[in-house]
Amino acid sequence: MSKIWSNIINAFKRLFKKEPVVVPPTPPDPNPPDLGVYLTQKEVKAKLREQLAGKLSMTVSIYLPDERFYCPSLKYVEKVLADTLVDRMKYIEGTNDCDDFAWLLKAEFVKDAYRRGVRRAPHCLGVVHGLLSTPHAINFMITDDMVVRFCEPQTDAVFLPRETDKNIWLLLS
């Protein structure tokens, strides 16, 4: 008899058990507040053309598919670079070479653009192809001081465009 009562009591407990209230997550704010510097697509193109004047090929293509870009501080860029593993990957000619490294680093900055699960504007960082000193692909960026810099994704070196960098035929983000 006690087993029957135990089963009945357990059934009532399950019947009246309070379920935890599940609160749906708050949808991300499409325009989260941020104290960083933002540029429009038009402003980014103008900065690239101005600061890379004399280094661009006559037929350069600049493709920036987003309408606005986040320009992080150089210190922030260095932090993201330190946290990535791209520079520790093995170079394999024709398989994992310069353009692959540049795209992998771009992807790391795309992932970083999610802050606490909220998407902000993409980093003003992309891939550049040209004679850099040889035919090469690396990354370009514009930081919060409005300076165009290059980054060698295989070493994490960040530097100003060099005298030997020329005939840039493609910039895309």
N, C-alpha and C. Protein backbone atom coordinates (compact mmCIF):
# COMPACT_ATOMS: atom_id res chain seq x y z
N MET A 1 0.81 -1.19 0.00
CA MET A 1 0.00 0.00 0.00
C MET A 1 0.86 1.26 0.00
N SER A 2 1.97 1.25 0.73
CA SER A 2 2.81 2.44 0.81
C SER A 2 3.43 2.78 -0.54
N LYS A 3 3.69 1.76 -1.38
CA LYS A 3 4.25 2.01 -2.71
C LYS A 3 3.22 2.74 -3.59
N ILE A 4 1.96 2.39 -3.48
CA ILE A 4 0.90 3.05 -4.25
C ILE A 4 0.81 4.51 -3.84
N TRP A 5 0.79 4.77 -2.51
CA TRP A 5 0.74 6.15 -2.03
C TRP A 5 1.98 6.93 -2.45
N SER A 6 3.10 6.31 -2.42
CA SER A 6 4.36 6.96 -2.84
C SER A 6 4.28 7.36 -4.31
N ASN A 7 3.74 6.47 -5.15
CA ASN A 7 3.58 6.77 -6.58
C ASN A 7 2.59 7.91 -6.80
N ILE A 8 1.51 7.91 -6.03
CA ILE A 8 0.50 8.97 -6.15
C ILE A 8 1.09 10.32 -5.73
N ILE A 9 1.80 10.32 -4.61
CA ILE A 9 2.41 11.56 -4.12
C ILE A 9 3.43 12.08 -5.13
N ASN A 10 4.25 11.19 -5.67
CA ASN A 10 5.25 11.60 -6.67
C ASN A 10 4.58 12.13 -7.94
N ALA A 11 3.46 11.54 -8.31
CA ALA A 11 2.73 12.02 -9.49
C ALA A 11 2.21 13.44 -9.25
N PHE A 12 1.64 13.69 -8.04
CA PHE A 12 1.19 15.04 -7.71
C PHE A 12 2.35 16.04 -7.66
N LYS A 13 3.49 15.61 -7.15
CA LYS A 13 4.67 16.49 -7.09
C LYS A 13 5.08 16.90 -8.51
N ARG A 14 5.09 15.91 -9.42
CA ARG A 14 5.46 16.22 -10.81
C ARG A 14 4.42 17.12 -11.46
N LEU A 15 3.15 16.89 -11.12
CA LEU A 15 2.06 17.66 -11.70
C LEU A 15 2.12 19.13 -11.28
N PHE A 16 2.45 19.38 -10.04
CA PHE A 16 2.45 20.75 -9.52
C PHE A 16 3.85 21.36 -9.38
N LYS A 17 4.83 20.68 -9.92
CA LYS A 17 6.22 21.17 -9.85
C LYS A 17 6.33 22.45 -10.67
N LYS A 18 6.96 23.46 -10.09
CA LYS A 18 7.16 24.72 -10.81
C LYS A 18 8.31 24.56 -11.79
N GLU A 19 8.01 24.83 -13.03
CA GLU A 19 9.04 24.80 -14.06
C GLU A 19 9.79 26.12 -14.04
N PRO A 20 11.10 26.09 -14.28
CA PRO A 20 11.82 27.36 -14.33
C PRO A 20 11.32 28.20 -15.51
N VAL A 21 11.23 29.48 -15.27
CA VAL A 21 10.77 30.39 -16.31
C VAL A 21 11.94 30.65 -17.25
N VAL A 22 11.73 30.37 -18.51
CA VAL A 22 12.76 30.60 -19.52
C VAL A 22 12.51 31.95 -20.16
N VAL A 23 13.46 32.84 -19.98
CA VAL A 23 13.34 34.18 -20.56
C VAL A 23 14.10 34.18 -21.88
N PRO A 24 13.44 34.49 -22.97
CA PRO A 24 14.17 34.51 -24.24
C PRO A 24 15.25 35.59 -24.21
N PRO A 25 16.38 35.31 -24.88
CA PRO A 25 17.45 36.30 -24.88
C PRO A 25 17.00 37.59 -25.57
N THR A 26 17.54 38.68 -25.10
CA THR A 26 17.24 39.98 -25.69
C THR A 26 17.90 40.03 -27.07
N PRO A 27 17.15 40.41 -28.09
CA PRO A 27 17.78 40.49 -29.41
C PRO A 27 18.89 41.54 -29.41
N PRO A 28 19.99 41.27 -30.14
CA PRO A 28 21.08 42.23 -30.14
C PRO A 28 20.67 43.58 -30.72
N ASP A 29 21.22 44.61 -30.14
CA ASP A 29 20.99 45.96 -30.64
C ASP A 29 21.74 46.11 -31.96
N PRO A 30 21.07 46.45 -33.06
CA PRO A 30 21.77 46.56 -34.33
C PRO A 30 22.77 47.73 -34.35
N ASN A 31 22.62 48.67 -33.45
CA ASN A 31 23.54 49.80 -33.35
C ASN A 31 23.98 49.98 -31.89
N PRO A 32 24.81 49.03 -31.39
CA PRO A 32 25.20 49.13 -29.98
C PRO A 32 26.06 50.36 -29.74
N PRO A 33 25.94 50.97 -28.55
CA PRO A 33 26.78 52.13 -28.27
C PRO A 33 28.25 51.72 -28.23
N ASP A 34 29.10 52.55 -28.72
CA ASP A 34 30.53 52.26 -28.77
C ASP A 34 31.27 53.58 -28.82
N LEU A 35 32.33 53.69 -28.07
CA LEU A 35 33.09 54.94 -28.04
C LEU A 35 34.16 54.99 -29.12
N GLY A 36 34.28 53.94 -29.92
CA GLY A 36 35.30 53.91 -30.96
C GLY A 36 34.99 54.87 -32.10
N VAL A 37 35.90 54.92 -33.04
CA VAL A 37 35.77 55.80 -34.20
C VAL A 37 35.16 54.99 -35.34
N TYR A 38 34.19 55.59 -36.01
CA TYR A 38 33.52 54.93 -37.13
C TYR A 38 33.69 55.77 -38.39
N LEU A 39 33.87 55.08 -39.51
CA LEU A 39 33.95 55.74 -40.81
C LEU A 39 32.93 55.12 -41.74
N THR A 40 32.42 55.93 -42.66
CA THR A 40 31.55 55.39 -43.70
C THR A 40 32.40 54.74 -44.78
N GLN A 41 31.73 53.98 -45.62
CA GLN A 41 32.41 53.35 -46.75
C GLN A 41 33.13 54.40 -47.61
N LYS A 42 32.45 55.50 -47.86
CA LYS A 42 33.03 56.57 -48.68
C LYS A 42 34.27 57.17 -48.01
N GLU A 43 34.22 57.36 -46.70
CA GLU A 43 35.38 57.91 -45.98
C GLU A 43 36.56 56.94 -45.99
N VAL A 44 36.29 55.64 -45.86
CA VAL A 44 37.36 54.64 -45.90
C VAL A 44 38.03 54.65 -47.27
N LYS A 45 37.23 54.65 -48.33
CA LYS A 45 37.81 54.69 -49.68
C LYS A 45 38.68 55.93 -49.87
N ALA A 46 38.20 57.08 -49.39
CA ALA A 46 38.97 58.32 -49.53
C ALA A 46 40.29 58.24 -48.77
N LYS A 47 40.27 57.68 -47.54
CA LYS A 47 41.51 57.54 -46.75
C LYS A 47 42.48 56.60 -47.45
N LEU A 48 41.98 55.49 -47.98
CA LEU A 48 42.85 54.55 -48.68
C LEU A 48 43.49 55.20 -49.90
N ARG A 49 42.69 55.89 -50.71
CA ARG A 49 43.23 56.54 -51.92
C ARG A 49 44.22 57.65 -51.55
N GLU A 50 43.90 58.41 -50.52
CA GLU A 50 44.77 59.52 -50.11
C GLU A 50 46.11 59.01 -49.56
N GLN A 51 46.05 58.06 -48.63
CA GLN A 51 47.27 57.63 -47.95
C GLN A 51 48.07 56.59 -48.73
N LEU A 52 47.46 55.98 -49.73
CA LEU A 52 48.19 55.03 -50.57
C LEU A 52 48.46 55.61 -51.97
N ALA A 53 48.29 56.91 -52.10
CA ALA A 53 48.55 57.57 -53.40
C ALA A 53 49.97 57.25 -53.85
N GLY A 54 50.12 56.94 -55.12
CA GLY A 54 51.41 56.57 -55.66
C GLY A 54 51.73 55.10 -55.50
N LYS A 55 50.95 54.38 -54.72
CA LYS A 55 51.16 52.95 -54.51
C LYS A 55 50.08 52.11 -55.19
N LEU A 56 49.00 52.77 -55.59
CA LEU A 56 47.87 52.06 -56.21
C LEU A 56 48.10 51.92 -57.71
N SER A 57 47.72 50.76 -58.25
CA SER A 57 47.81 50.58 -59.69
C SER A 57 46.74 51.43 -60.35
N MET A 58 46.89 51.67 -61.64
CA MET A 58 45.91 52.47 -62.38
C MET A 58 44.54 51.79 -62.41
N THR A 59 44.53 50.47 -62.25
CA THR A 59 43.28 49.72 -62.33
C THR A 59 42.88 49.12 -60.98
N VAL A 60 43.28 49.75 -59.90
CA VAL A 60 43.00 49.23 -58.56
C VAL A 60 41.50 49.04 -58.35
N SER A 61 41.15 47.96 -57.68
CA SER A 61 39.77 47.71 -57.27
C SER A 61 39.71 47.81 -55.76
N ILE A 62 38.80 48.65 -55.28
CA ILE A 62 38.57 48.78 -53.84
C ILE A 62 37.14 48.34 -53.59
N TYR A 63 36.99 47.24 -52.89
CA TYR A 63 35.66 46.68 -52.64
C TYR A 63 35.41 46.66 -51.14
N LEU A 64 34.48 47.48 -50.70
CA LEU A 64 34.10 47.59 -49.28
C LEU A 64 32.59 47.37 -49.20
N PRO A 65 32.15 46.15 -48.93
CA PRO A 65 30.72 45.86 -49.01
C PRO A 65 29.86 46.43 -47.87
N ASP A 66 30.48 46.85 -46.77
CA ASP A 66 29.69 47.37 -45.65
C ASP A 66 29.58 48.89 -45.74
N GLU A 67 28.56 49.44 -45.08
CA GLU A 67 28.30 50.89 -45.14
C GLU A 67 29.12 51.69 -44.14
N ARG A 68 29.50 51.06 -43.01
CA ARG A 68 30.32 51.76 -42.03
C ARG A 68 31.28 50.78 -41.39
N PHE A 69 32.38 51.34 -40.87
CA PHE A 69 33.46 50.52 -40.33
C PHE A 69 33.93 51.07 -38.99
N TYR A 70 34.33 50.16 -38.12
CA TYR A 70 34.87 50.50 -36.81
C TYR A 70 36.39 50.59 -36.91
N CYS A 71 36.95 51.70 -36.48
CA CYS A 71 38.40 51.90 -36.50
C CYS A 71 38.92 51.75 -35.07
N PRO A 72 39.51 50.61 -34.75
CA PRO A 72 39.99 50.38 -33.39
C PRO A 72 41.32 51.10 -33.15
N SER A 73 41.70 51.18 -31.89
CA SER A 73 43.01 51.76 -31.56
C SER A 73 44.09 50.75 -31.96
N LEU A 74 45.29 51.24 -32.15
CA LEU A 74 46.42 50.37 -32.47
C LEU A 74 46.65 49.38 -31.32
N LYS A 75 46.47 49.85 -30.10
CA LYS A 75 46.63 48.98 -28.93
C LYS A 75 45.62 47.83 -28.97
N TYR A 76 44.38 48.14 -29.36
CA TYR A 76 43.35 47.11 -29.46
C TYR A 76 43.70 46.11 -30.57
N VAL A 77 44.17 46.61 -31.70
CA VAL A 77 44.59 45.73 -32.80
C VAL A 77 45.67 44.77 -32.31
N GLU A 78 46.64 45.30 -31.59
CA GLU A 78 47.73 44.47 -31.09
C GLU A 78 47.22 43.40 -30.12
N LYS A 79 46.19 43.73 -29.33
CA LYS A 79 45.60 42.76 -28.42
C LYS A 79 44.93 41.63 -29.21
N VAL A 80 44.15 41.99 -30.22
CA VAL A 80 43.50 40.96 -31.05
C VAL A 80 44.55 40.08 -31.72
N LEU A 81 45.59 40.71 -32.25
CA LEU A 81 46.66 39.94 -32.90
C LEU A 81 47.32 38.97 -31.92
N ALA A 82 47.56 39.42 -30.69
CA ALA A 82 48.19 38.56 -29.69
C ALA A 82 47.30 37.37 -29.33
N ASP A 83 45.98 37.55 -29.43
CA ASP A 83 45.04 36.48 -29.07
C ASP A 83 44.80 35.47 -30.19
N THR A 84 45.19 35.81 -31.41
CA THR A 84 44.94 34.89 -32.53
C THR A 84 46.08 33.89 -32.66
N LEU A 85 45.81 32.84 -33.40
CA LEU A 85 46.83 31.82 -33.67
C LEU A 85 47.27 31.83 -35.12
N VAL A 86 46.80 32.78 -35.90
CA VAL A 86 47.10 32.80 -37.33
C VAL A 86 48.60 32.82 -37.58
N ASP A 87 49.33 33.64 -36.82
CA ASP A 87 50.77 33.76 -37.03
C ASP A 87 51.52 32.48 -36.66
N ARG A 88 50.88 31.55 -36.00
CA ARG A 88 51.53 30.30 -35.60
C ARG A 88 51.24 29.15 -36.56
N MET A 89 50.44 29.44 -37.58
CA MET A 89 50.11 28.41 -38.56
C MET A 89 51.28 28.19 -39.51
N LYS A 90 51.29 27.02 -40.12
CA LYS A 90 52.39 26.66 -41.01
C LYS A 90 52.10 27.16 -42.43
N TYR A 91 53.09 27.82 -43.02
CA TYR A 91 52.99 28.26 -44.41
C TYR A 91 53.20 27.04 -45.31
N ILE A 92 52.28 26.84 -46.24
CA ILE A 92 52.40 25.75 -47.22
C ILE A 92 52.13 26.36 -48.58
N GLU A 93 53.15 26.41 -49.41
CA GLU A 93 53.04 27.05 -50.72
C GLU A 93 51.88 26.46 -51.52
N GLY A 94 51.02 27.34 -52.02
CA GLY A 94 49.91 26.93 -52.86
C GLY A 94 48.72 26.36 -52.10
N THR A 95 48.88 26.10 -50.81
CA THR A 95 47.80 25.52 -50.01
C THR A 95 47.41 26.44 -48.86
N ASN A 96 48.38 26.85 -48.09
CA ASN A 96 48.15 27.78 -46.98
C ASN A 96 49.22 28.86 -47.11
N ASP A 97 48.98 29.73 -48.08
CA ASP A 97 50.00 30.74 -48.38
C ASP A 97 49.49 32.13 -48.01
N CYS A 98 50.12 33.17 -48.56
CA CYS A 98 49.89 34.54 -48.08
C CYS A 98 48.42 34.97 -48.12
N ASP A 99 47.70 34.67 -49.18
CA ASP A 99 46.30 35.10 -49.23
C ASP A 99 45.45 34.37 -48.20
N ASP A 100 45.77 33.10 -47.93
CA ASP A 100 45.04 32.36 -46.91
C ASP A 100 45.28 32.96 -45.53
N PHE A 101 46.53 33.31 -45.24
CA PHE A 101 46.84 33.95 -43.96
C PHE A 101 46.07 35.27 -43.83
N ALA A 102 46.04 36.06 -44.90
CA ALA A 102 45.34 37.35 -44.85
C ALA A 102 43.84 37.15 -44.59
N TRP A 103 43.24 36.16 -45.22
CA TRP A 103 41.81 35.91 -45.01
C TRP A 103 41.54 35.34 -43.62
N LEU A 104 42.44 34.51 -43.12
CA LEU A 104 42.27 33.98 -41.76
C LEU A 104 42.33 35.10 -40.73
N LEU A 105 43.25 36.05 -40.92
CA LEU A 105 43.33 37.17 -39.99
C LEU A 105 42.08 38.05 -40.10
N LYS A 106 41.61 38.27 -41.31
CA LYS A 106 40.36 39.02 -41.50
C LYS A 106 39.23 38.33 -40.73
N ALA A 107 39.17 37.01 -40.80
CA ALA A 107 38.12 36.26 -40.09
C ALA A 107 38.23 36.44 -38.57
N GLU A 108 39.44 36.52 -38.05
CA GLU A 108 39.61 36.74 -36.61
C GLU A 108 39.03 38.10 -36.20
N PHE A 109 39.22 39.11 -37.04
CA PHE A 109 38.67 40.42 -36.73
C PHE A 109 37.15 40.46 -36.94
N VAL A 110 36.64 39.65 -37.85
CA VAL A 110 35.19 39.53 -38.01
C VAL A 110 34.60 38.94 -36.73
N LYS A 111 35.23 37.88 -36.22
CA LYS A 111 34.75 37.28 -34.97
C LYS A 111 34.84 38.27 -33.81
N ASP A 112 35.88 39.07 -33.79
CA ASP A 112 36.05 40.03 -32.70
C ASP A 112 35.00 41.14 -32.75
N ALA A 113 34.41 41.37 -33.91
CA ALA A 113 33.40 42.42 -34.02
C ALA A 113 32.12 42.08 -33.25
N TYR A 114 32.01 40.85 -32.77
CA TYR A 114 30.91 40.49 -31.87
C TYR A 114 31.39 40.75 -30.45
N ARG A 115 30.79 41.73 -29.82
CA ARG A 115 31.19 42.07 -28.47
C ARG A 115 30.07 41.65 -27.53
N ARG A 116 30.36 40.71 -26.64
CA ARG A 116 29.36 40.17 -25.72
C ARG A 116 28.13 39.68 -26.48
N GLY A 117 28.36 39.08 -27.64
CA GLY A 117 27.26 38.54 -28.43
C GLY A 117 26.50 39.57 -29.24
N VAL A 118 26.94 40.83 -29.21
CA VAL A 118 26.27 41.88 -29.95
C VAL A 118 27.17 42.30 -31.11
N ARG A 119 26.63 42.30 -32.29
CA ARG A 119 27.41 42.66 -33.47
C ARG A 119 27.53 44.17 -33.58
N ARG A 120 28.76 44.63 -33.75
CA ARG A 120 28.99 46.05 -34.03
C ARG A 120 29.47 46.14 -35.48
N ALA A 121 29.72 47.33 -35.93
CA ALA A 121 30.21 47.49 -37.30
C ALA A 121 31.52 46.70 -37.46
N PRO A 122 31.80 46.22 -38.66
CA PRO A 122 33.03 45.45 -38.86
C PRO A 122 34.25 46.33 -38.68
N HIS A 123 35.33 45.70 -38.28
CA HIS A 123 36.60 46.40 -38.17
C HIS A 123 37.00 46.93 -39.54
N CYS A 124 37.65 48.06 -39.56
CA CYS A 124 38.17 48.61 -40.81
C CYS A 124 39.49 47.89 -41.10
N LEU A 125 39.35 46.65 -41.52
CA LEU A 125 40.49 45.78 -41.80
C LEU A 125 40.11 44.89 -42.96
N GLY A 126 41.02 44.76 -43.90
CA GLY A 126 40.74 43.93 -45.06
C GLY A 126 42.00 43.33 -45.63
N VAL A 127 41.91 42.85 -46.84
CA VAL A 127 43.01 42.18 -47.52
C VAL A 127 43.50 43.08 -48.64
N VAL A 128 44.82 43.16 -48.80
CA VAL A 128 45.43 43.96 -49.86
C VAL A 128 46.35 43.05 -50.67
N HIS A 129 46.24 43.17 -52.00
CA HIS A 129 47.11 42.43 -52.93
C HIS A 129 47.92 43.45 -53.73
N GLY A 130 49.18 43.17 -53.90
CA GLY A 130 50.01 44.06 -54.70
C GLY A 130 51.46 43.62 -54.65
N LEU A 131 52.35 44.49 -55.12
CA LEU A 131 53.78 44.25 -55.00
C LEU A 131 54.20 44.81 -53.64
N LEU A 132 54.23 43.93 -52.67
CA LEU A 132 54.42 44.33 -51.28
C LEU A 132 55.63 43.62 -50.68
N SER A 133 56.68 43.77 -50.94
CA SER A 133 57.69 44.15 -51.91
C SER A 133 57.70 43.22 -53.12
N THR A 134 57.21 42.03 -52.96
CA THR A 134 57.04 41.08 -54.07
C THR A 134 55.54 40.87 -54.22
N PRO A 135 55.07 40.17 -55.24
CA PRO A 135 53.63 39.88 -55.30
C PRO A 135 53.21 39.18 -54.00
N HIS A 136 52.29 39.78 -53.30
CA HIS A 136 51.99 39.31 -51.95
C HIS A 136 50.59 39.76 -51.54
N ALA A 137 50.03 39.10 -50.55
CA ALA A 137 48.76 39.50 -49.94
C ALA A 137 48.99 39.63 -48.44
N ILE A 138 48.55 40.76 -47.89
CA ILE A 138 48.62 41.01 -46.45
C ILE A 138 47.32 41.70 -46.04
N ASN A 139 47.28 42.29 -44.87
CA ASN A 139 46.09 42.99 -44.43
C ASN A 139 46.34 44.49 -44.34
N PHE A 140 45.26 45.27 -44.58
CA PHE A 140 45.32 46.71 -44.35
C PHE A 140 44.32 47.02 -43.24
N MET A 141 44.51 48.15 -42.60
CA MET A 141 43.58 48.60 -41.57
C MET A 141 43.65 50.11 -41.48
N ILE A 142 42.60 50.69 -40.95
CA ILE A 142 42.62 52.09 -40.55
C ILE A 142 42.30 52.09 -39.07
N THR A 143 43.18 52.67 -38.28
CA THR A 143 43.01 52.71 -36.84
C THR A 143 42.35 54.02 -36.43
N ASP A 144 42.07 54.17 -35.15
CA ASP A 144 41.32 55.33 -34.66
C ASP A 144 42.04 56.66 -34.83
N ASP A 145 43.33 56.62 -35.16
CA ASP A 145 44.07 57.86 -35.45
C ASP A 145 43.99 58.22 -36.93
N MET A 146 43.16 57.48 -37.69
CA MET A 146 42.89 57.70 -39.11
C MET A 146 44.11 57.42 -39.99
N VAL A 147 44.99 56.52 -39.54
CA VAL A 147 46.19 56.15 -40.29
C VAL A 147 46.00 54.77 -40.91
N VAL A 148 46.33 54.67 -42.21
CA VAL A 148 46.31 53.39 -42.90
C VAL A 148 47.58 52.65 -42.53
N ARG A 149 47.41 51.42 -42.07
CA ARG A 149 48.56 50.59 -41.72
C ARG A 149 48.40 49.24 -42.41
N PHE A 150 49.51 48.55 -42.58
CA PHE A 150 49.51 47.19 -43.10
C PHE A 150 49.85 46.25 -41.96
N CYS A 151 49.45 44.99 -42.12
CA CYS A 151 49.77 43.96 -41.14
C CYS A 151 50.17 42.70 -41.90
N GLU A 152 51.32 42.15 -41.55
CA GLU A 152 51.75 40.88 -42.10
C GLU A 152 51.16 39.78 -41.21
N PRO A 153 50.13 39.07 -41.68
CA PRO A 153 49.44 38.11 -40.82
C PRO A 153 50.30 36.91 -40.43
N GLN A 154 51.39 36.67 -41.14
CA GLN A 154 52.24 35.54 -40.80
C GLN A 154 53.14 35.83 -39.61
N THR A 155 53.29 37.12 -39.26
CA THR A 155 54.16 37.50 -38.14
C THR A 155 53.50 38.44 -37.14
N ASP A 156 52.32 38.95 -37.45
CA ASP A 156 51.61 39.96 -36.65
C ASP A 156 52.29 41.32 -36.67
N ALA A 157 53.23 41.54 -37.57
CA ALA A 157 53.90 42.85 -37.66
C ALA A 157 52.93 43.87 -38.24
N VAL A 158 52.78 45.00 -37.57
CA VAL A 158 51.94 46.11 -38.04
C VAL A 158 52.89 47.24 -38.41
N PHE A 159 52.69 47.82 -39.61
CA PHE A 159 53.63 48.83 -40.08
C PHE A 159 52.94 49.79 -41.04
N LEU A 160 53.55 50.93 -41.22
CA LEU A 160 53.07 51.90 -42.20
C LEU A 160 53.45 51.40 -43.58
N PRO A 161 52.69 51.74 -44.62
CA PRO A 161 53.07 51.35 -45.97
C PRO A 161 54.51 51.77 -46.26
N ARG A 162 55.28 50.87 -46.86
CA ARG A 162 56.70 51.08 -47.10
C ARG A 162 56.96 51.68 -48.47
N GLU A 163 58.12 52.22 -48.63
CA GLU A 163 58.55 52.79 -49.91
C GLU A 163 58.47 51.75 -51.02
N THR A 164 58.74 50.49 -50.69
CA THR A 164 58.77 49.41 -51.69
C THR A 164 57.38 48.85 -52.01
N ASP A 165 56.36 49.24 -51.26
CA ASP A 165 55.00 48.77 -51.53
C ASP A 165 54.42 49.57 -52.69
N LYS A 166 54.03 48.88 -53.75
CA LYS A 166 53.51 49.58 -54.93
C LYS A 166 52.61 48.65 -55.74
N ASN A 167 52.05 49.20 -56.79
CA ASN A 167 51.19 48.46 -57.71
C ASN A 167 50.13 47.64 -56.98
N ILE A 168 49.49 48.27 -56.00
CA ILE A 168 48.41 47.62 -55.28
C ILE A 168 47.21 47.55 -56.22
N TRP A 169 46.76 46.34 -56.50
CA TRP A 169 45.70 46.17 -57.46
C TRP A 169 44.35 45.78 -56.81
N LEU A 170 44.36 45.40 -55.54
CA LEU A 170 43.11 44.98 -54.92
C LEU A 170 43.13 45.28 -53.42
N LEU A 171 42.07 45.95 -52.97
CA LEU A 171 41.83 46.18 -51.54
C LEU A 171 40.39 45.76 -51.29
N LEU A 172 40.16 44.81 -50.40
CA LEU A 172 38.79 44.41 -50.11
C LEU A 172 38.64 44.04 -48.65
N SER A 173 37.42 44.29 -48.16
CA SER A 173 37.19 43.96 -46.75
C SER A 173 35.94 43.11 -46.65
